Amino acid sequence: MFLEQGIKPENKFWKYLLGSVFIITASFIGQIPFSIAVLYKAFKSNKSFPTDSDSALKMFEPNLTLFLVMISFAFAFAGIYFVVKYLHNQTILSITTSRSKIDWSRVLFSFGLWSIFSVISFLVVYYKSPENFVWNFKLVPFVILVVIGSVLIPIQTSTEEYVFRGYLMQGFANLAQNRWFPLVLTSLIFGSMHIFNPEVAKMGYIIMIYYIGTGFFLGVLTLMDEGIELSLGFHAANNLIGALLLTSDWSVFQTNSIFKDMSEPSAGLDVILPVVVIYPILLFIFSKKYGWNNWKEKLTGKTTIVKSSN
């Protein structure tokens, strides 16, 4: 069982607190190149150092910004590996899946399913209101975006999945000895991490329903499938296809995407629809494909302590 792989008498919860601090510190170290670049750009252009992240993110060409920002996730992932191996005496596989090896077919199926759905959804919105979008495609910048995005965005999304659906989910299971508490807490923390996104400032706190709801969806995927492979694929597709397909002046990242959204952002049905309609449909598809059952026990049941072999 996936959660039980991290539940051991010697795996105390304080280790997860210490490990989280280490991972966050590694992420901050990874942000140093971006900070240096911002400082150099401000000095060279004789401008004041930006006081908010939105201004800093707009100082550079979008591809360079994406590259500099994503470096921190590579450092954070290295931090995860170090903490899991040396602080918890586990393997990366143990916070990835309950299977004997990573099931890449699951990752690819989830990635492909959400990629197809994302493209179709965009086309429906585009043909409904084409006046809200402009053609933003430029060959060379887009090719560079594809290269950078294809490498670094999966690192970013995988890092988040390993932290929330892998490391912290097992950590909270250690603390609570049940399944519902890790699901609820990791989903709330995951959603709250997006509260400073510019989308929240534009649309209001109602968009937090989408962020927290997405956290719950990914958590349910993990608990029902006994591993994070499906959430890895979904999250990578969500961010990568989004970056390649569409950008806007008010989103957290501006990219050299194919289209640019020129509409004024507003929170409406598009915030609620994925959580109450789309995600349940996806869960149904996954459940049929992978034969999920015993939902109540897997989502809310008790966990058991695995005795150490030492």
Protein backbone atom coordinates (compact mmCIF):
# COMPACT_ATOMS: atom_id res chain seq x y z
CA MET A 1 0.00 0.00 0.00
CA PHE A 2 1.32 3.41 -1.00
CA LEU A 3 0.86 5.38 2.24
CA GLU A 4 2.05 2.50 4.39
CA GLN A 5 5.44 2.51 2.63
CA GLY A 6 6.34 5.60 4.66
CA ILE A 7 4.67 4.62 7.93
CA LYS A 8 7.30 3.15 10.20
CA PRO A 9 7.92 3.60 13.94
CA GLU A 10 11.27 5.29 13.31
CA ASN A 11 9.80 7.62 10.67
CA LYS A 12 8.63 10.28 13.12
CA PHE A 13 6.64 13.30 11.92
CA TRP A 14 9.36 15.71 13.03
CA LYS A 15 11.51 14.27 10.27
CA TYR A 16 8.98 15.46 7.70
CA LEU A 17 9.03 18.95 9.22
CA LEU A 18 12.82 18.98 9.06
CA GLY A 19 12.78 17.51 5.56
CA SER A 20 10.30 20.14 4.37
CA VAL A 21 12.57 22.92 5.65
CA PHE A 22 15.49 21.34 3.78
CA ILE A 23 13.50 21.10 0.53
CA ILE A 24 12.29 24.71 0.84
CA THR A 25 15.87 25.83 1.49
CA ALA A 26 17.06 23.95 -1.60
CA SER A 27 14.36 25.71 -3.60
CA PHE A 28 15.50 29.11 -2.31
CA ILE A 29 19.08 28.29 -3.30
CA GLY A 30 17.76 27.47 -6.77
CA GLN A 31 16.24 30.95 -6.95
CA ILE A 32 19.64 32.63 -6.58
CA PRO A 33 20.40 32.64 -10.36
CA PHE A 34 17.10 34.43 -11.03
CA SER A 35 17.75 36.95 -8.26
CA ILE A 36 21.25 37.64 -9.58
CA ALA A 37 19.88 38.09 -13.10
CA VAL A 38 17.24 40.56 -11.84
CA LEU A 39 19.84 42.48 -9.85
CA TYR A 40 22.18 42.66 -12.85
CA LYS A 41 19.38 43.76 -15.18
CA ALA A 42 18.23 46.45 -12.76
CA PHE A 43 21.80 47.71 -12.29
CA LYS A 44 22.60 47.67 -16.01
CA SER A 45 19.41 49.52 -16.95
CA ASN A 46 19.80 51.92 -14.03
CA LYS A 47 16.41 50.96 -12.63
CA SER A 48 15.33 50.21 -9.07
CA PHE A 49 15.17 46.60 -7.93
CA PRO A 50 11.58 45.31 -8.41
CA THR A 51 9.60 45.04 -5.18
CA ASP A 52 7.13 42.39 -6.33
CA SER A 53 7.44 39.09 -8.17
CA ASP A 54 5.14 40.17 -11.02
CA SER A 55 7.48 43.02 -11.97
CA ALA A 56 10.54 40.78 -11.67
CA LEU A 57 9.00 38.12 -13.92
CA LYS A 58 8.43 40.71 -16.66
CA MET A 59 12.00 41.98 -16.74
CA PHE A 60 13.24 39.37 -19.19
CA GLU A 61 12.22 37.72 -22.43
CA PRO A 62 9.61 35.03 -21.57
CA ASN A 63 11.78 32.02 -22.45
CA LEU A 64 14.64 33.29 -20.29
CA THR A 65 12.25 33.98 -17.43
CA LEU A 66 10.82 30.48 -17.68
CA PHE A 67 14.29 28.95 -17.66
CA LEU A 68 15.49 30.98 -14.66
CA VAL A 69 12.38 30.35 -12.60
CA MET A 70 12.27 26.62 -13.29
CA ILE A 71 15.84 26.11 -12.09
CA SER A 72 14.62 26.33 -8.49
CA PHE A 73 12.46 23.23 -8.99
CA ALA A 74 15.47 21.20 -10.09
CA PHE A 75 17.18 22.17 -6.82
CA ALA A 76 14.03 21.33 -4.86
CA PHE A 77 13.82 17.91 -6.52
CA ALA A 78 17.43 17.24 -5.54
CA GLY A 79 16.42 18.23 -2.01
CA ILE A 80 13.59 15.70 -2.08
CA TYR A 81 15.95 12.94 -3.18
CA PHE A 82 18.45 13.79 -0.40
CA VAL A 83 15.80 13.96 2.32
CA VAL A 84 14.02 10.77 1.31
CA LYS A 85 17.24 8.78 1.04
CA TYR A 86 19.26 10.06 3.98
CA LEU A 87 16.68 11.34 6.48
CA HIS A 88 13.94 8.74 5.99
CA ASN A 89 16.04 5.85 4.64
CA GLN A 90 13.58 5.33 1.80
CA THR A 91 13.85 5.23 -1.96
CA ILE A 92 12.31 7.64 -4.45
CA LEU A 93 10.30 4.67 -5.70
CA SER A 94 8.67 4.33 -2.27
CA ILE A 95 7.16 7.84 -2.49
CA THR A 96 6.25 7.31 -6.16
CA THR A 97 4.25 4.10 -6.25
CA SER A 98 3.35 0.90 -4.45
CA ARG A 99 4.26 -1.05 -7.60
CA SER A 100 7.63 -2.73 -8.04
CA LYS A 101 8.62 -0.04 -10.55
CA ILE A 102 7.21 3.20 -11.93
CA ASP A 103 4.38 2.46 -14.37
CA TRP A 104 5.22 4.86 -17.17
CA SER A 105 2.19 3.72 -19.15
CA ARG A 106 0.05 5.29 -16.43
CA VAL A 107 2.00 8.55 -16.65
CA LEU A 108 1.65 8.64 -20.44
CA PHE A 109 -2.04 7.72 -20.42
CA SER A 110 -2.87 10.47 -17.94
CA PHE A 111 -0.69 12.96 -19.84
CA GLY A 112 -2.29 12.09 -23.16
CA LEU A 113 -5.85 12.11 -21.83
CA TRP A 114 -5.55 15.55 -20.26
CA SER A 115 -3.59 16.95 -23.22
CA ILE A 116 -6.34 15.94 -25.63
CA PHE A 117 -9.03 17.32 -23.35
CA SER A 118 -7.13 20.60 -22.86
CA VAL A 119 -6.73 21.16 -26.60
CA ILE A 120 -10.37 20.34 -27.32
CA SER A 121 -11.54 22.61 -24.50
CA PHE A 122 -9.47 25.49 -25.83
CA LEU A 123 -10.78 25.01 -29.38
CA VAL A 124 -14.37 25.11 -28.10
CA VAL A 125 -13.71 28.35 -26.21
CA TYR A 126 -11.79 29.81 -29.15
CA TYR A 127 -14.50 29.17 -31.72
CA LYS A 128 -17.10 30.46 -29.32
CA SER A 129 -15.30 33.79 -28.76
CA PRO A 130 -12.46 34.18 -31.29
CA GLU A 131 -12.33 37.93 -30.65
CA ASN A 132 -10.79 37.23 -27.23
CA PHE A 133 -7.66 35.67 -28.73
CA VAL A 134 -4.83 36.83 -30.96
CA TRP A 135 -2.29 34.78 -32.92
CA ASN A 136 0.92 34.93 -30.90
CA PHE A 137 2.99 32.31 -32.73
CA LYS A 138 6.61 33.07 -33.65
CA LEU A 139 8.57 30.08 -34.87
CA VAL A 140 11.98 30.50 -33.21
CA PRO A 141 10.74 31.64 -29.76
CA PHE A 142 8.10 28.89 -29.83
CA VAL A 143 10.65 26.18 -30.68
CA ILE A 144 12.82 27.39 -27.79
CA LEU A 145 9.76 27.31 -25.54
CA VAL A 146 9.05 23.72 -26.60
CA VAL A 147 12.61 22.67 -25.72
CA ILE A 148 12.76 24.49 -22.39
CA GLY A 149 9.19 23.60 -21.45
CA SER A 150 9.46 19.93 -22.36
CA VAL A 151 12.46 19.53 -20.04
CA LEU A 152 11.83 21.91 -17.16
CA ILE A 153 8.04 22.04 -16.81
CA PRO A 154 7.79 18.28 -16.08
CA ILE A 155 10.54 18.79 -13.49
CA GLN A 156 8.46 21.56 -11.91
CA THR A 157 5.22 19.59 -11.88
CA SER A 158 6.92 16.37 -10.77
CA THR A 159 8.58 18.23 -7.90
CA GLU A 160 5.20 19.48 -6.73
CA GLU A 161 3.68 16.02 -7.01
CA TYR A 162 6.54 14.39 -5.12
CA VAL A 163 6.25 17.00 -2.37
CA PHE A 164 2.47 16.99 -1.94
CA ARG A 165 1.15 13.65 -3.18
CA GLY A 166 4.27 11.67 -2.27
CA TYR A 167 6.35 13.03 0.59
CA LEU A 168 3.80 15.06 2.57
CA MET A 169 0.94 12.63 2.02
CA GLN A 170 3.01 9.86 3.60
CA GLY A 171 4.15 12.29 6.29
CA PHE A 172 0.63 13.24 7.34
CA ALA A 173 -0.35 9.57 7.22
CA ASN A 174 2.43 8.97 9.75
CA LEU A 175 0.90 11.64 11.96
CA ALA A 176 -2.80 10.77 11.66
CA GLN A 177 -2.72 7.04 10.91
CA ASN A 178 -5.57 7.45 8.44
CA ARG A 179 -6.17 8.39 4.80
CA TRP A 180 -8.59 11.29 4.87
CA PHE A 181 -6.32 13.60 6.86
CA PRO A 182 -3.39 13.45 4.37
CA LEU A 183 -5.86 13.95 1.50
CA VAL A 184 -7.50 17.01 3.04
CA LEU A 185 -4.38 18.68 4.38
CA THR A 186 -2.19 18.25 1.29
CA SER A 187 -5.03 19.52 -0.90
CA LEU A 188 -5.53 22.62 1.24
CA ILE A 189 -1.80 23.37 1.36
CA PHE A 190 -1.41 22.76 -2.37
CA GLY A 191 -4.28 25.12 -3.16
CA SER A 192 -3.05 27.75 -0.72
CA MET A 193 0.36 27.80 -2.40
CA HIS A 194 -1.34 29.48 -5.39
CA ILE A 195 -2.92 32.29 -3.38
CA PHE A 196 -0.31 34.83 -4.49
CA ASN A 197 -0.74 34.04 -8.20
CA PRO A 198 -1.80 37.09 -10.23
CA GLU A 199 -4.88 35.15 -11.34
CA VAL A 200 -6.17 35.35 -7.75
CA ALA A 201 -5.74 39.12 -7.68
CA LYS A 202 -7.61 39.41 -10.99
CA MET A 203 -10.44 36.93 -10.39
CA GLY A 204 -10.80 36.98 -6.62
CA TYR A 205 -10.53 34.24 -4.03
CA ILE A 206 -13.26 32.20 -5.68
CA ILE A 207 -10.59 30.77 -7.99
CA MET A 208 -9.17 29.02 -4.92
CA ILE A 209 -12.03 26.55 -5.39
CA TYR A 210 -10.27 25.44 -8.57
CA TYR A 211 -6.80 25.24 -7.02
CA ILE A 212 -7.91 23.38 -3.88
CA GLY A 213 -10.29 21.22 -5.92
CA THR A 214 -7.41 20.26 -8.21
CA GLY A 215 -5.40 19.30 -5.13
CA PHE A 216 -8.23 17.03 -3.98
CA PHE A 217 -8.50 15.49 -7.45
CA LEU A 218 -4.78 14.70 -7.58
CA GLY A 219 -4.90 13.35 -4.03
CA VAL A 220 -7.81 11.04 -4.88
CA LEU A 221 -5.88 9.82 -7.93
CA THR A 222 -2.94 8.97 -5.70
CA LEU A 223 -4.90 7.16 -3.00
CA MET A 224 -7.12 5.20 -5.37
CA ASP A 225 -4.28 4.19 -7.68
CA GLU A 226 -1.72 3.57 -4.89
CA GLY A 227 0.88 5.82 -6.51
CA ILE A 228 1.47 9.22 -8.07
CA GLU A 229 1.94 8.14 -11.70
CA LEU A 230 -1.47 9.43 -12.83
CA SER A 231 -1.04 12.74 -11.02
CA LEU A 232 2.44 13.12 -12.54
CA GLY A 233 1.03 12.78 -16.04
CA PHE A 234 -1.97 15.03 -15.45
CA HIS A 235 0.01 17.84 -13.82
CA ALA A 236 2.70 17.80 -16.53
CA ALA A 237 0.08 17.95 -19.28
CA ASN A 238 -1.85 20.73 -17.55
CA ASN A 239 1.16 23.04 -17.24
CA LEU A 240 3.01 22.14 -20.45
CA ILE A 241 0.04 22.26 -22.82
CA GLY A 242 -1.13 25.44 -21.12
CA ALA A 243 2.27 27.08 -21.59
CA LEU A 244 2.50 26.07 -25.25
CA LEU A 245 -1.07 26.88 -26.18
CA LEU A 246 -2.06 30.07 -24.40
CA THR A 247 -0.64 33.05 -22.54
CA SER A 248 -1.98 36.32 -21.17
CA ASP A 249 -0.73 39.49 -19.54
CA TRP A 250 -2.33 38.55 -16.22
CA SER A 251 -1.21 34.93 -15.85
CA VAL A 252 1.63 33.88 -13.57
CA PHE A 253 3.83 33.18 -16.61
CA GLN A 254 3.91 34.91 -19.95
CA THR A 255 5.16 32.51 -22.61
CA ASN A 256 5.83 32.53 -26.35
CA SER A 257 2.70 30.46 -26.85
CA ILE A 258 0.58 29.96 -29.96
CA PHE A 259 -2.28 32.18 -28.78
CA LYS A 260 -2.67 35.09 -26.38
CA ASP A 261 -5.81 35.68 -24.35
CA MET A 262 -6.83 39.35 -24.58
CA SER A 263 -10.03 39.08 -22.55
CA GLU A 264 -10.54 40.57 -19.11
CA PRO A 265 -10.32 37.70 -16.62
CA SER A 266 -13.37 36.82 -14.57
CA ALA A 267 -14.24 33.86 -12.37
CA GLY A 268 -17.36 32.08 -13.48
CA LEU A 269 -18.46 28.65 -14.60
CA ASP A 270 -14.94 27.88 -15.83
CA VAL A 271 -13.75 27.83 -12.20
CA ILE A 272 -16.47 25.50 -10.91
CA LEU A 273 -16.91 23.26 -13.97
CA PRO A 274 -13.59 21.35 -13.75
CA VAL A 275 -14.08 20.57 -10.06
CA VAL A 276 -17.71 19.43 -10.13
CA VAL A 277 -17.96 17.98 -13.65
CA ILE A 278 -14.65 17.38 -15.44
CA TYR A 279 -12.68 15.85 -12.57
CA PRO A 280 -15.45 13.37 -11.66
CA ILE A 281 -15.59 12.30 -15.31
CA LEU A 282 -11.82 11.75 -15.33
CA LEU A 283 -12.02 9.77 -12.10
CA PHE A 284 -14.69 7.59 -13.71
CA ILE A 285 -12.47 6.98 -16.75
CA PHE A 286 -9.46 6.11 -14.60
CA SER A 287 -11.53 3.87 -12.32
CA LYS A 288 -12.83 1.86 -15.25
CA LYS A 289 -9.42 1.54 -16.88
CA TYR A 290 -7.58 0.51 -13.71
CA GLY A 291 -10.36 -1.35 -11.91
CA TRP A 292 -10.61 0.80 -8.79
CA ASN A 293 -12.92 -0.31 -6.00
CA ASN A 294 -13.42 0.08 -2.25
CA TRP A 295 -13.42 3.89 -2.53
CA LYS A 296 -14.50 4.61 1.05
CA GLU A 297 -11.73 2.54 2.61
CA LYS A 298 -9.02 3.86 0.31
CA LEU A 299 -9.99 7.51 0.83
CA THR A 300 -11.02 7.56 4.49
CA GLY A 301 -9.85 4.32 6.09
CA LYS A 302 -7.16 3.71 8.69
CA THR A 303 -3.53 3.01 7.86
CA THR A 304 -1.31 0.43 9.51
CA ILE A 305 2.20 0.74 10.86
CA VAL A 306 4.79 -1.36 9.05
CA LYS A 307 7.27 -2.78 11.54
CA SER A 308 10.92 -2.10 10.80
CA SER A 309 12.99 -5.05 9.62
CA ASN A 310 15.99 -3.83 11.62
